[in-house]
């Protein structure tokens, strides 16, 4: 699905004729067509930005922990807890934190997806995000998919055909997670999102192993 993002300085707000609660959303009888469209766009953007939100949330909690007094501390949330709340694997949240830390809001390309940002960092390295930004901009300019962008980076930088996680620790972590999940939980019993995540991790792991 195409991810639709809004500028980092534009607040995500639902129009006035839209009311929401913990388990409902209602449109007022007098809502205008453009307001209904804005509500749809906001909901789509919020869904597309979920990993940005998760990564930034962890980093913001860590930042506040350093500057607030002991009596005014905010309860820290780890990647496992947040992953369970947002229906993501802890490893997915951990990688989101890495992406958000490497590329703070003012460095992100508004029109590009989170996946493009993550893939560019995976390919060019998390220690020099300027390289990733260059490729993300070019990818957006040419409307490349994530797979096409990866291919362009590898072809033009001579890094080969294998996927390159940030370091070997990431590859080992992926291997452990895949082995643990497939051993303890039959794949057909996993939720759809978990199956898709596991499938992607196994593909990346195979490419990573081939590149060693």
Foldseek 3Di string as FASTA:
>chain_A
DAAAFDQPPDDLDQDPQWDDDPPDIDGHPPDDPVSVVSNVSSVRNCVQCVLLVLLVVQVVLVVCQVVDDPVPHDDHDALCRVCVVVVHHSLSSVLSVLLCVLAPSVRDDRGFGPLLSSQLCQLPHSVDSVSSSVLRVVCVVVVHDSVVSNVVSCVVVVLDDAGGGRDVVSLVVLVVVLVVCVVPPPLVPDPPVVNVVNVVSVVNSVSNVVSD
